[in-house]
Amino acid sequence: MGRDPRRDLLAGLTVAIVALPLALGFGVSSGLGAEAGLATAVVAGAVAAVFGGSNLQVSGPTGAMTVVLVPIVARYGPSGVLMVGLLAGLIVVGLALARAGRYMAYIPASVVEGFTLGIALVIALQQVPNALGVTKPEGDRVLTVTWRAVGEFVEAPNWTAVGLALGVAALMLLGARWRPAVPFSIVAVIVATVVAQVCHLDAAAPIGDLPAGLPAPSLGFVDLSRLGSLMAPAVAVAALAALESLLSAQVADGMTVGQKHDPDRELFGQGLANLAAPLFGGVPATGAIARTAVNVRSGAGSRLAALTHAAVLAVIVFAAAPLVSKIPLAALAGVLLATAVRMVEVGSLRAMAKATRSDAVVLALTAVATLVLDLVYAVIIGIVVAGALALRAVAKQARLAEVDFRPDLPGGHSDEEHALLAEHIVAYRIDGPLFFAAAHRFLLELAEVADVRVIILRMSRVTTVDATGALVLKDAVEKLNRRGIVVMTSGIRPEQRQALDSVGALDLLRLDGREYATTPEAIAGARAHLRATGILAAAPPAAEEVSR
């Protein structure tokens, strides 16, 4: 995508409109207030845009980080959160210098889906007190706080708050289906605020006074005597900041052609952002998947869009603080309730659950652990269980957990294979299980293919395919097709079809009849395709059959 400053400026403005209620809401939910959310969006958003490794990433406060921060605020107070953010920034910079970014690619897709589902549930539950119009009860466990909030509501119902929260959420969800390009989050918040002011709804508590500008940078919150007790939560925050930011950057890459983030530089930028945000009273930040997706869909092509988003929010902080302060807390709760609902991709969850029994178990376990324990433990548990189940499947197949990925290239191969290469056809034989770790190596290998018009994937020796392997295979085929390279397959086994079909990879491989039972049939199909496109002038002499 070429650079277009006007398009980037418009994309940044659009993202800022979407980000404003989210920044306010996540700031309130974290326990540090709406001003902390705005400061994070402005400062961390600008720093990460300049120093990060993605041209399209938008950073700021997120729901996942808020989930981690709530118990930290309850235990250590606001100053403790600021120090945790500073320490987490140092840790993330250290991860970048250690070039740890590349290892994030090995997290199984089932863990990511379970993690996202768990976060959505926690975010929704966190909004219950404000949506019900009750004071947030004491406690750092979301299920306990929600139960107490419901009890207080039963004793003294506040239907005004409930109506505002549900109205905002409904307008966002229905409006997004009706006119996806319209930022209904800000529209819904404006409508709720106007209704609350005109109708004098005293039961709808507002955000309250906001400072007309960012505070002066300060290190007054630093207390070295608390370093030991804060190190564990800082590690958890750093792990989440790294994980969510790289996942978000990966999503942005997948939505575009020609954009690829640098994972280590992205970690470096996020580390600097988390070093800067606490100085201005901001909470820890990460790359924000929803805002990044809006940025990409709005046509952003460079970092200017993310910088514009931060600048627009800064202007709002300085110029519109009195108006923003009148927004009802229940309206922000409605925004985050709708956000939580939209985070859950039902089709993706269904596909992952149908792929294999192991993927379904890992997804469910990760989601429950996210809800009951915390996010970092949930990811660790998901990865460990996914690895154990993968090894168990490999052991049952009595094969090594490694893909033997063999391109038919010059050097000791048969004359028939050299003939194929001369015709711009290359055949790859995949041996062994296509699991989450080996699948990424598979994609990297395919990405290096050059001067080829047709790739034949010989899959008769693939023993097992999990959901991540199927997703990576689908992604590889889509990227190769965008480069004008046709992908054909041979020998797909019946037991592989369920995982491939669940994520849509099988439909892609069947496109225009590109799936064949045997390799010789695939070779004949490749030659027919090249003749039809004029690359081969005439049918070549018959070659000896290549074994399946």
Protein backbone atom coordinates (compact mmCIF):
# COMPACT_ATOMS: atom_id res chain seq x y z
CA MET A 1 0.00 0.00 0.00
CA GLY A 2 1.50 3.34 -1.02
CA ARG A 3 1.80 6.23 1.36
CA ASP A 4 -1.07 8.71 1.31
CA PRO A 5 -0.80 11.33 4.10
CA ARG A 6 -4.40 12.46 3.71
CA ARG A 7 -5.66 8.90 4.03
CA ASP A 8 -3.44 8.36 7.10
CA LEU A 9 -4.75 11.56 8.71
CA LEU A 10 -8.35 10.49 8.11
CA ALA A 11 -7.64 6.98 9.44
CA GLY A 12 -6.03 8.46 12.57
CA LEU A 13 -9.07 10.69 13.17
CA THR A 14 -11.39 7.71 12.77
CA VAL A 15 -9.37 5.62 15.22
CA ALA A 16 -9.32 8.48 17.75
CA ILE A 17 -13.13 8.70 17.65
CA VAL A 18 -13.34 4.95 18.31
CA ALA A 19 -10.57 5.04 20.92
CA LEU A 20 -11.94 7.88 23.08
CA PRO A 21 -14.74 5.99 24.85
CA LEU A 22 -12.54 2.88 25.11
CA ALA A 23 -9.67 4.84 26.69
CA LEU A 24 -12.07 6.43 29.18
CA GLY A 25 -13.76 3.12 29.94
CA PHE A 26 -10.59 1.11 30.42
CA GLY A 27 -9.14 3.88 32.61
CA VAL A 28 -12.22 3.75 34.84
CA SER A 29 -12.22 -0.06 34.92
CA SER A 30 -8.55 -0.21 35.92
CA GLY A 31 -9.27 1.82 39.04
CA LEU A 32 -7.03 4.78 38.18
CA GLY A 33 -9.76 6.86 36.55
CA ALA A 34 -10.65 8.12 33.09
CA GLU A 35 -7.72 10.56 33.05
CA ALA A 36 -5.27 7.64 33.33
CA GLY A 37 -6.85 5.98 30.29
CA LEU A 38 -6.56 9.18 28.24
CA ALA A 39 -2.95 9.76 29.31
CA THR A 40 -2.07 6.20 28.28
CA ALA A 41 -3.73 6.53 24.88
CA VAL A 42 -1.92 9.80 24.16
CA VAL A 43 1.56 9.10 25.52
CA ALA A 44 1.91 5.36 24.91
CA GLY A 45 0.07 5.67 21.59
CA ALA A 46 2.56 8.26 20.31
CA VAL A 47 5.72 6.58 21.61
CA ALA A 48 4.79 3.11 20.31
CA ALA A 49 3.84 4.57 16.93
CA VAL A 50 7.29 6.16 16.54
CA PHE A 51 9.49 3.39 17.93
CA GLY A 52 7.41 0.23 17.36
CA GLY A 53 7.92 -2.38 14.67
CA SER A 54 4.56 -2.08 12.89
CA ASN A 55 3.42 0.68 10.54
CA LEU A 56 -0.22 0.02 11.39
CA GLN A 57 -0.29 -0.79 15.11
CA VAL A 58 -2.34 1.44 17.43
CA SER A 59 -1.44 1.20 21.11
CA GLY A 60 -3.12 2.27 24.31
CA PRO A 61 -5.08 0.90 27.29
CA THR A 62 -6.78 -2.42 26.55
CA GLY A 63 -9.28 -4.71 28.16
CA ALA A 64 -6.78 -7.51 28.61
CA MET A 65 -4.40 -5.23 30.51
CA THR A 66 -7.25 -3.87 32.60
CA VAL A 67 -8.06 -7.41 33.69
CA VAL A 68 -4.52 -7.76 35.06
CA LEU A 69 -4.43 -4.30 36.64
CA VAL A 70 -7.58 -4.52 38.76
CA PRO A 71 -6.10 -6.87 41.41
CA ILE A 72 -2.81 -4.91 41.35
CA VAL A 73 -4.69 -1.67 42.11
CA ALA A 74 -6.60 -3.38 44.89
CA ARG A 75 -3.43 -4.67 46.51
CA TYR A 76 -0.81 -1.97 45.83
CA GLY A 77 -2.79 1.19 45.07
CA PRO A 78 -2.39 3.64 42.15
CA SER A 79 1.29 4.37 42.85
CA GLY A 80 1.99 0.64 42.82
CA VAL A 81 0.41 0.33 39.36
CA LEU A 82 2.56 3.17 38.02
CA MET A 83 5.71 1.50 39.32
CA VAL A 84 4.61 -1.86 37.94
CA GLY A 85 4.17 -0.19 34.54
CA LEU A 86 7.68 1.27 34.70
CA LEU A 87 9.23 -2.08 35.65
CA ALA A 88 7.22 -3.86 32.94
CA GLY A 89 8.55 -1.37 30.39
CA LEU A 90 12.12 -2.21 31.38
CA ILE A 91 11.38 -5.94 31.10
CA VAL A 92 9.81 -5.59 27.63
CA VAL A 93 12.80 -3.55 26.41
CA GLY A 94 15.00 -6.36 27.76
CA LEU A 95 12.96 -8.92 25.80
CA ALA A 96 13.45 -6.84 22.67
CA LEU A 97 17.21 -6.64 23.17
CA ALA A 98 17.24 -10.43 23.73
CA ARG A 99 15.39 -10.79 20.40
CA ALA A 100 12.56 -12.74 22.02
CA GLY A 101 9.87 -11.44 19.67
CA ARG A 102 10.17 -14.31 17.20
CA TYR A 103 9.17 -16.91 19.82
CA MET A 104 5.69 -15.42 20.26
CA ALA A 105 4.77 -16.96 16.89
CA TYR A 106 4.78 -20.42 18.44
CA ILE A 107 1.74 -19.89 20.67
CA PRO A 108 -0.98 -22.29 19.47
CA ALA A 109 -4.09 -20.78 17.88
CA SER A 110 -6.33 -22.64 20.36
CA VAL A 111 -4.57 -20.88 23.25
CA VAL A 112 -5.06 -17.49 21.59
CA GLU A 113 -8.77 -18.16 20.99
CA GLY A 114 -9.30 -19.36 24.57
CA PHE A 115 -7.36 -16.39 25.90
CA THR A 116 -9.52 -13.97 23.87
CA LEU A 117 -12.76 -15.62 25.00
CA GLY A 118 -11.65 -15.47 28.64
CA ILE A 119 -10.71 -11.79 28.34
CA ALA A 120 -14.09 -10.97 26.80
CA LEU A 121 -15.89 -12.66 29.71
CA VAL A 122 -13.79 -10.83 32.31
CA ILE A 123 -14.26 -7.44 30.62
CA ALA A 124 -18.02 -7.95 30.54
CA LEU A 125 -18.13 -8.93 34.21
CA GLN A 126 -15.98 -5.95 35.18
CA GLN A 127 -18.66 -3.62 33.79
CA VAL A 128 -21.46 -5.01 35.93
CA PRO A 129 -21.11 -2.51 38.85
CA ASN A 130 -21.20 0.60 36.62
CA ALA A 131 -23.90 -0.92 34.38
CA LEU A 132 -26.05 -1.55 37.46
CA GLY A 133 -25.29 1.89 38.90
CA VAL A 134 -23.79 0.63 42.16
CA THR A 135 -20.50 1.48 43.85
CA LYS A 136 -17.83 -1.04 42.91
CA PRO A 137 -17.57 -3.55 45.80
CA GLU A 138 -14.24 -4.38 47.39
CA GLY A 139 -12.30 -7.34 46.02
CA ASP A 140 -9.82 -8.31 43.34
CA ARG A 141 -11.63 -11.36 41.91
CA VAL A 142 -14.05 -10.42 39.18
CA LEU A 143 -16.58 -13.17 39.97
CA THR A 144 -16.71 -12.11 43.63
CA VAL A 145 -17.07 -8.40 42.77
CA THR A 146 -19.82 -9.16 40.24
CA TRP A 147 -21.78 -11.23 42.73
CA ARG A 148 -21.60 -8.49 45.37
CA ALA A 149 -22.62 -5.83 42.83
CA VAL A 150 -25.69 -7.84 41.84
CA GLY A 151 -26.59 -8.16 45.53
CA GLU A 152 -26.37 -4.39 46.03
CA PHE A 153 -28.50 -3.80 42.94
CA VAL A 154 -31.21 -6.17 44.20
CA GLU A 155 -31.38 -4.18 47.44
CA ALA A 156 -31.53 -0.78 45.66
CA PRO A 157 -32.23 -1.10 41.92
CA ASN A 158 -30.95 1.65 39.60
CA TRP A 159 -32.86 1.12 36.36
CA THR A 160 -31.59 4.39 34.89
CA ALA A 161 -28.02 3.09 34.79
CA VAL A 162 -29.17 -0.28 33.42
CA GLY A 163 -31.16 1.43 30.67
CA LEU A 164 -28.23 3.64 29.63
CA ALA A 165 -25.75 0.74 29.60
CA LEU A 166 -28.01 -1.59 27.62
CA GLY A 167 -29.06 1.21 25.26
CA VAL A 168 -25.45 2.11 24.43
CA ALA A 169 -24.48 -1.54 23.97
CA ALA A 170 -27.51 -2.23 21.75
CA LEU A 171 -26.90 0.86 19.60
CA MET A 172 -23.26 -0.15 19.08
CA LEU A 173 -24.01 -3.77 18.20
CA LEU A 174 -27.03 -3.11 15.95
CA GLY A 175 -25.45 -0.04 14.38
CA ALA A 176 -22.28 -1.94 13.49
CA ARG A 177 -24.37 -4.45 11.52
CA TRP A 178 -26.38 -1.72 9.83
CA ARG A 179 -23.56 0.74 8.97
CA PRO A 180 -20.15 -0.82 9.77
CA ALA A 181 -18.24 2.31 8.69
CA VAL A 182 -19.96 4.56 11.28
CA PRO A 183 -18.23 4.81 14.73
CA PHE A 184 -21.35 4.05 16.76
CA SER A 185 -19.42 3.91 20.03
CA ILE A 186 -18.96 7.68 20.10
CA VAL A 187 -22.49 8.23 18.72
CA ALA A 188 -23.96 6.10 21.50
CA VAL A 189 -21.95 7.86 24.21
CA ILE A 190 -23.00 11.30 22.93
CA VAL A 191 -26.67 10.27 22.84
CA ALA A 192 -26.50 8.82 26.37
CA THR A 193 -24.77 11.95 27.70
CA VAL A 194 -27.30 14.29 26.09
CA VAL A 195 -30.22 12.22 27.43
CA ALA A 196 -28.70 12.21 30.94
CA GLN A 197 -28.21 16.00 30.89
CA VAL A 198 -31.54 16.98 29.31
CA CYS A 199 -33.60 14.63 31.45
CA HIS A 200 -31.59 15.44 34.61
CA LEU A 201 -30.95 11.78 35.34
CA ASP A 202 -29.25 12.14 38.71
CA ALA A 203 -29.06 8.36 39.06
CA ALA A 204 -26.62 8.25 36.12
CA ALA A 205 -23.31 9.09 37.82
CA PRO A 206 -20.88 10.93 35.48
CA ILE A 207 -17.14 10.38 35.04
CA GLY A 208 -16.41 13.52 37.07
CA ASP A 209 -13.85 16.29 36.69
CA LEU A 210 -10.93 15.69 34.35
CA PRO A 211 -7.69 17.72 34.26
CA ALA A 212 -7.52 20.07 31.28
CA GLY A 213 -4.28 18.61 29.98
CA LEU A 214 -1.66 16.01 30.77
CA PRO A 215 0.12 16.25 34.12
CA ALA A 216 3.80 17.17 34.23
CA PRO A 217 6.04 14.08 34.02
CA SER A 218 7.06 12.82 37.44
CA LEU A 219 8.87 9.93 39.10
CA GLY A 220 7.33 10.68 42.48
CA PHE A 221 5.62 7.29 42.56
CA VAL A 222 8.92 5.37 42.57
CA ASP A 223 9.58 3.59 45.86
CA LEU A 224 12.58 1.29 45.71
CA SER A 225 11.59 -0.40 48.97
CA ARG A 226 8.60 -1.96 47.13
CA LEU A 227 10.73 -3.33 44.30
CA GLY A 228 10.70 -6.93 45.54
CA SER A 229 6.96 -7.15 46.07
CA LEU A 230 6.15 -5.51 42.72
CA MET A 231 8.46 -7.59 40.55
CA ALA A 232 6.05 -10.54 40.14
CA PRO A 233 3.11 -8.40 38.92
CA ALA A 234 5.54 -6.46 36.70
CA VAL A 235 6.60 -9.70 35.00
CA ALA A 236 2.93 -10.59 34.44
CA VAL A 237 2.20 -7.16 32.95
CA ALA A 238 5.30 -7.35 30.74
CA ALA A 239 4.36 -10.80 29.47
CA LEU A 240 0.87 -9.62 28.60
CA ALA A 241 2.14 -6.42 26.95
CA ALA A 242 4.51 -8.44 24.77
CA LEU A 243 1.98 -11.14 23.92
CA GLU A 244 -0.98 -8.91 23.07
CA SER A 245 1.12 -6.39 21.13
CA LEU A 246 2.68 -9.05 18.90
CA LEU A 247 -0.66 -10.75 18.35
CA SER A 248 -2.18 -7.42 17.35
CA ALA A 249 0.69 -6.66 14.97
CA GLN A 250 0.28 -10.12 13.45
CA VAL A 251 -3.43 -9.47 12.91
CA ALA A 252 -2.58 -6.20 11.14
CA ASP A 253 -0.14 -8.03 8.83
CA GLY A 254 -2.82 -10.56 7.95
CA MET A 255 -5.29 -7.80 6.98
CA THR A 256 -2.91 -6.21 4.45
CA VAL A 257 -0.66 -7.08 1.54
CA GLY A 258 3.00 -6.06 1.71
CA GLN A 259 3.07 -5.10 5.41
CA LYS A 260 5.20 -7.10 7.84
CA HIS A 261 6.08 -6.08 11.37
CA ASP A 262 9.43 -6.48 13.07
CA PRO A 263 8.61 -8.35 16.33
CA ASP A 264 11.74 -7.31 18.21
CA ARG A 265 11.38 -3.65 17.27
CA GLU A 266 7.71 -3.86 18.22
CA LEU A 267 8.70 -5.08 21.68
CA PHE A 268 11.21 -2.25 21.95
CA GLY A 269 8.57 0.34 21.06
CA GLN A 270 6.05 -1.12 23.51
CA GLY A 271 8.71 -1.19 26.22
CA LEU A 272 9.46 2.51 25.71
CA ALA A 273 5.73 3.27 25.68
CA ASN A 274 5.32 1.60 29.05
CA LEU A 275 8.32 3.48 30.41
CA ALA A 276 6.78 6.79 29.32
CA ALA A 277 3.10 6.30 30.25
CA PRO A 278 3.57 6.05 34.07
CA LEU A 279 5.46 9.35 34.10
CA PHE A 280 2.20 11.05 33.07
CA GLY A 281 -0.06 8.96 35.32
CA GLY A 282 -0.95 6.41 32.64
CA VAL A 283 -1.56 2.69 33.04
CA PRO A 284 0.46 -0.01 31.22
CA ALA A 285 -0.33 -0.20 27.50
CA THR A 286 -0.27 -2.76 24.72
CA GLY A 287 -1.05 -2.91 21.04
CA ALA A 288 -4.85 -2.74 20.74
CA ILE A 289 -6.30 -5.29 18.31
CA ALA A 290 -9.68 -3.58 17.83
CA ARG A 291 -8.21 -0.10 17.24
CA THR A 292 -5.49 -1.52 15.00
CA ALA A 293 -8.13 -3.28 12.91
CA VAL A 294 -10.09 -0.02 12.56
CA ASN A 295 -6.85 1.70 11.52
CA VAL A 296 -6.22 -0.85 8.77
CA ARG A 297 -9.82 -0.84 7.54
CA SER A 298 -9.72 2.97 7.38
CA GLY A 299 -6.89 2.83 4.84
CA ALA A 300 -3.85 3.60 6.99
CA GLY A 301 -0.52 2.93 5.34
CA SER A 302 2.07 4.42 7.69
CA ARG A 303 2.77 5.39 11.30
CA LEU A 304 1.25 8.82 10.68
CA ALA A 305 -2.21 7.38 11.30
CA ALA A 306 -1.36 6.12 14.82
CA LEU A 307 0.39 9.41 15.61
CA THR A 308 -2.68 11.33 14.43
CA HIS A 309 -4.86 9.20 16.72
CA ALA A 310 -2.69 10.18 19.71
CA ALA A 311 -2.64 13.86 18.68
CA VAL A 312 -6.43 14.06 18.32
CA LEU A 313 -6.90 12.51 21.77
CA ALA A 314 -4.40 15.05 23.18
CA VAL A 315 -6.47 17.88 21.71
CA ILE A 316 -9.58 16.40 23.31
CA VAL A 317 -7.80 16.26 26.67
CA PHE A 318 -6.88 19.95 26.44
CA ALA A 319 -10.01 21.35 24.79
CA ALA A 320 -12.97 19.17 25.72
CA ALA A 321 -12.30 17.93 29.26
CA PRO A 322 -15.41 19.66 30.73
CA LEU A 323 -17.67 17.97 28.16
CA VAL A 324 -16.03 14.57 28.55
CA SER A 325 -16.44 14.75 32.33
CA LYS A 326 -20.25 14.66 31.92
CA ILE A 327 -20.30 11.23 30.24
CA PRO A 328 -22.23 8.75 32.45
CA LEU A 329 -20.23 5.82 33.81
CA ALA A 330 -23.08 3.54 32.77
CA ALA A 331 -22.60 4.65 29.14
CA LEU A 332 -18.92 3.68 29.26
CA ALA A 333 -19.94 0.35 30.77
CA GLY A 334 -22.23 -0.16 27.77
CA VAL A 335 -19.35 0.59 25.38
CA LEU A 336 -17.17 -2.05 27.02
CA LEU A 337 -20.01 -4.59 27.20
CA ALA A 338 -20.47 -4.24 23.44
CA THR A 339 -16.70 -4.43 22.95
CA ALA A 340 -16.60 -7.69 24.91
CA VAL A 341 -19.40 -9.17 22.79
CA ARG A 342 -17.63 -8.18 19.56
CA MET A 343 -14.38 -9.77 20.74
CA VAL A 344 -15.99 -13.21 20.60
CA GLU A 345 -15.83 -14.66 17.07
CA VAL A 346 -18.40 -17.44 17.26
CA GLY A 347 -17.42 -18.91 13.90
CA SER A 348 -13.75 -19.02 14.85
CA LEU A 349 -14.52 -20.65 18.20
CA ARG A 350 -16.75 -23.23 16.53
CA ALA A 351 -14.09 -24.01 13.96
CA MET A 352 -11.40 -24.41 16.62
CA ALA A 353 -13.63 -26.63 18.75
CA LYS A 354 -14.40 -28.86 15.73
CA ALA A 355 -10.81 -29.09 14.49
CA THR A 356 -9.59 -31.70 16.99
CA ARG A 357 -10.54 -32.77 20.50
CA SER A 358 -7.18 -31.50 21.78
CA ASP A 359 -7.80 -28.01 20.34
CA ALA A 360 -11.23 -27.92 22.00
CA VAL A 361 -9.76 -28.95 25.37
CA VAL A 362 -6.98 -26.33 25.19
CA LEU A 363 -9.42 -23.60 24.18
CA ALA A 364 -11.85 -24.35 27.02
CA LEU A 365 -9.10 -24.75 29.63
CA THR A 366 -7.41 -21.48 28.66
CA ALA A 367 -10.72 -19.58 28.77
CA VAL A 368 -11.64 -20.96 32.21
CA ALA A 369 -8.15 -20.28 33.58
CA THR A 370 -8.36 -16.68 32.29
CA LEU A 371 -11.64 -16.20 34.12
CA VAL A 372 -10.72 -17.94 37.36
CA LEU A 373 -6.97 -17.33 37.68
CA ASP A 374 -5.24 -14.63 35.61
CA LEU A 375 -4.19 -14.08 32.02
CA VAL A 376 -0.52 -14.97 32.25
CA TYR A 377 -1.18 -18.23 34.13
CA ALA A 378 -3.91 -19.01 31.59
CA VAL A 379 -1.51 -18.68 28.64
CA ILE A 380 1.14 -20.76 30.40
CA ILE A 381 -1.40 -23.49 31.22
CA GLY A 382 -2.73 -23.44 27.66
CA ILE A 383 0.73 -23.75 26.11
CA VAL A 384 1.77 -26.55 28.49
CA VAL A 385 -1.42 -28.54 27.90
CA ALA A 386 -1.23 -27.96 24.12
CA GLY A 387 2.35 -29.21 24.12
CA ALA A 388 1.49 -32.26 26.21
CA LEU A 389 -1.44 -33.19 23.97
CA ALA A 390 0.69 -32.66 20.86
CA LEU A 391 3.39 -34.96 22.20
CA ARG A 392 0.75 -37.53 23.11
CA ALA A 393 -0.61 -37.47 19.56
CA VAL A 394 2.88 -37.78 18.13
CA ALA A 395 3.66 -40.68 20.43
CA LYS A 396 0.53 -42.46 19.23
CA GLN A 397 1.75 -42.06 15.69
CA ALA A 398 5.20 -43.34 16.73
CA ARG A 399 6.79 -40.50 14.84
CA LEU A 400 9.10 -37.63 15.80
CA ALA A 401 7.40 -34.28 16.42
CA GLU A 402 9.03 -32.66 13.42
CA VAL A 403 7.98 -31.88 9.88
CA ASP A 404 10.38 -33.08 7.20
CA PHE A 405 9.80 -30.35 4.62
CA ARG A 406 11.64 -31.34 1.45
CA PRO A 407 11.60 -29.17 -1.66
CA ASP A 408 12.59 -30.90 -4.87
CA LEU A 409 15.52 -28.61 -5.62
CA PRO A 410 18.81 -29.25 -7.53
CA GLY A 411 21.40 -31.44 -5.86
CA GLY A 412 20.97 -35.21 -5.85
CA HIS A 413 17.33 -35.35 -6.98
CA SER A 414 15.86 -37.19 -9.92
CA ASP A 415 15.77 -35.99 -13.50
CA GLU A 416 12.00 -35.76 -13.32
CA GLU A 417 12.21 -33.32 -10.42
CA HIS A 418 14.75 -31.16 -12.31
CA ALA A 419 12.38 -31.16 -15.26
CA LEU A 420 9.56 -29.90 -13.05
CA LEU A 421 11.72 -27.07 -11.70
CA ALA A 422 12.61 -26.04 -15.27
CA GLU A 423 8.88 -25.77 -15.95
CA HIS A 424 8.42 -23.43 -12.93
CA ILE A 425 6.83 -26.24 -10.90
CA VAL A 426 8.13 -27.32 -7.50
CA ALA A 427 6.82 -30.20 -5.35
CA TYR A 428 7.17 -30.27 -1.57
CA ARG A 429 6.79 -33.44 0.47
CA ILE A 430 5.62 -32.90 4.04
CA ASP A 431 6.50 -35.73 6.41
CA GLY A 432 5.21 -36.04 9.97
CA PRO A 433 2.67 -34.05 12.04
CA LEU A 434 1.85 -30.45 11.04
CA PHE A 435 1.62 -28.98 14.56
CA PHE A 436 1.77 -25.43 15.89
CA ALA A 437 5.59 -25.13 16.12
CA ALA A 438 6.50 -26.89 12.88
CA ALA A 439 3.68 -25.10 11.04
CA HIS A 440 5.41 -21.74 11.33
CA ARG A 441 8.63 -23.19 9.97
CA PHE A 442 6.56 -24.53 7.08
CA LEU A 443 5.21 -21.03 6.33
CA LEU A 444 8.69 -19.48 6.48
CA GLU A 445 9.99 -22.09 4.04
CA LEU A 446 7.17 -21.39 1.57
CA ALA A 447 7.70 -17.63 1.83
CA GLU A 448 11.20 -18.04 0.37
CA VAL A 449 9.99 -19.70 -2.84
CA ALA A 450 10.97 -17.71 -5.95
CA ASP A 451 10.72 -18.10 -9.73
CA VAL A 452 7.95 -20.69 -9.40
CA ARG A 453 4.43 -20.59 -10.87
CA VAL A 454 2.95 -23.74 -9.34
CA ILE A 455 3.64 -25.39 -5.98
CA ILE A 456 2.49 -28.95 -5.33
CA LEU A 457 2.12 -29.93 -1.67
CA ARG A 458 2.50 -33.71 -1.31
CA MET A 459 0.59 -34.45 1.90
CA SER A 460 0.21 -38.22 1.88
CA ARG A 461 2.90 -38.55 4.59
CA VAL A 462 1.42 -35.93 6.95
CA THR A 463 0.44 -37.90 10.03
CA THR A 464 -1.53 -35.27 12.01
CA VAL A 465 -2.83 -31.73 11.44
CA ASP A 466 -4.01 -29.51 14.30
CA ALA A 467 -5.94 -26.22 14.05
CA THR A 468 -2.79 -24.07 14.04
CA GLY A 469 -1.22 -26.15 11.30
CA ALA A 470 -4.40 -25.88 9.23
CA LEU A 471 -4.57 -22.09 9.75
CA VAL A 472 -0.92 -21.65 8.79
CA LEU A 473 -1.42 -23.81 5.69
CA LYS A 474 -4.41 -21.67 4.70
CA ASP A 475 -2.43 -18.47 5.30
CA ALA A 476 0.48 -19.78 3.21
CA VAL A 477 -1.80 -20.67 0.30
CA GLU A 478 -3.50 -17.24 0.42
CA LYS A 479 -0.16 -15.40 0.45
CA LEU A 480 1.22 -17.48 -2.40
CA ASN A 481 -1.95 -16.92 -4.43
CA ARG A 482 -1.60 -13.16 -3.92
CA ARG A 483 1.89 -13.48 -5.44
CA GLY A 484 0.41 -15.22 -8.48
CA ILE A 485 1.61 -18.70 -7.43
CA VAL A 486 -0.94 -21.51 -7.77
CA VAL A 487 -0.95 -24.11 -4.99
CA MET A 488 -2.05 -27.69 -5.68
CA THR A 489 -2.20 -30.64 -3.30
CA SER A 490 -2.03 -34.39 -3.52
CA GLY A 491 -2.69 -37.25 -1.15
CA ILE A 492 -4.71 -35.49 1.59
CA ARG A 493 -5.80 -38.20 4.02
CA PRO A 494 -9.37 -38.50 5.33
CA GLU A 495 -8.21 -37.95 8.93
CA GLN A 496 -6.64 -34.61 7.95
CA ARG A 497 -9.80 -33.23 6.36
CA GLN A 498 -11.66 -32.32 9.55
CA ALA A 499 -9.02 -29.86 10.78
CA LEU A 500 -8.46 -28.44 7.28
CA ASP A 501 -12.20 -28.07 6.64
CA SER A 502 -12.96 -26.46 10.01
CA VAL A 503 -10.80 -23.38 9.25
CA GLY A 504 -11.69 -23.13 5.55
CA ALA A 505 -8.33 -24.40 4.29
CA LEU A 506 -9.89 -27.30 2.40
CA ASP A 507 -12.19 -25.00 0.42
CA LEU A 508 -9.16 -22.94 -0.59
CA LEU A 509 -7.24 -26.05 -1.67
CA ARG A 510 -10.22 -27.27 -3.69
CA LEU A 511 -10.37 -23.97 -5.60
CA ASP A 512 -10.64 -24.59 -9.37
CA GLY A 513 -10.06 -28.32 -8.80
CA ARG A 514 -6.54 -27.96 -7.39
CA GLU A 515 -6.76 -30.97 -5.06
CA TYR A 516 -5.61 -34.32 -6.53
CA ALA A 517 -5.52 -37.85 -5.24
CA THR A 518 -1.98 -38.55 -6.44
CA THR A 519 1.15 -36.58 -7.23
CA PRO A 520 1.25 -37.59 -10.93
CA GLU A 521 -2.28 -36.23 -11.32
CA ALA A 522 -1.23 -32.98 -9.60
CA ILE A 523 1.78 -32.66 -11.93
CA ALA A 524 -0.47 -33.16 -14.96
CA GLY A 525 -2.83 -30.53 -13.58
CA ALA A 526 0.04 -28.09 -13.01
CA ARG A 527 1.26 -28.53 -16.59
CA ALA A 528 -2.26 -28.08 -17.93
CA HIS A 529 -2.57 -24.85 -15.94
CA LEU A 530 0.74 -23.53 -17.27
CA ARG A 531 -0.24 -24.38 -20.84
CA ALA A 532 -3.59 -22.65 -20.40
CA THR A 533 -1.87 -19.50 -19.15
CA GLY A 534 0.68 -19.58 -21.99
CA ILE A 535 3.72 -20.25 -19.82
CA LEU A 536 4.27 -23.65 -21.44
CA ALA A 537 4.00 -23.51 -25.21
CA ALA A 538 3.27 -27.21 -25.68
CA ALA A 539 2.90 -30.36 -23.61
CA PRO A 540 6.33 -31.71 -22.59
CA PRO A 541 7.32 -35.32 -23.09
CA ALA A 542 5.80 -37.72 -20.59
CA ALA A 543 7.95 -38.14 -17.52
CA GLU A 544 8.19 -41.15 -15.31
CA GLU A 545 5.72 -41.26 -12.49
CA VAL A 546 6.78 -39.53 -9.26
CA SER A 547 5.90 -41.71 -6.31
CA ARG A 548 3.25 -40.47 -3.95
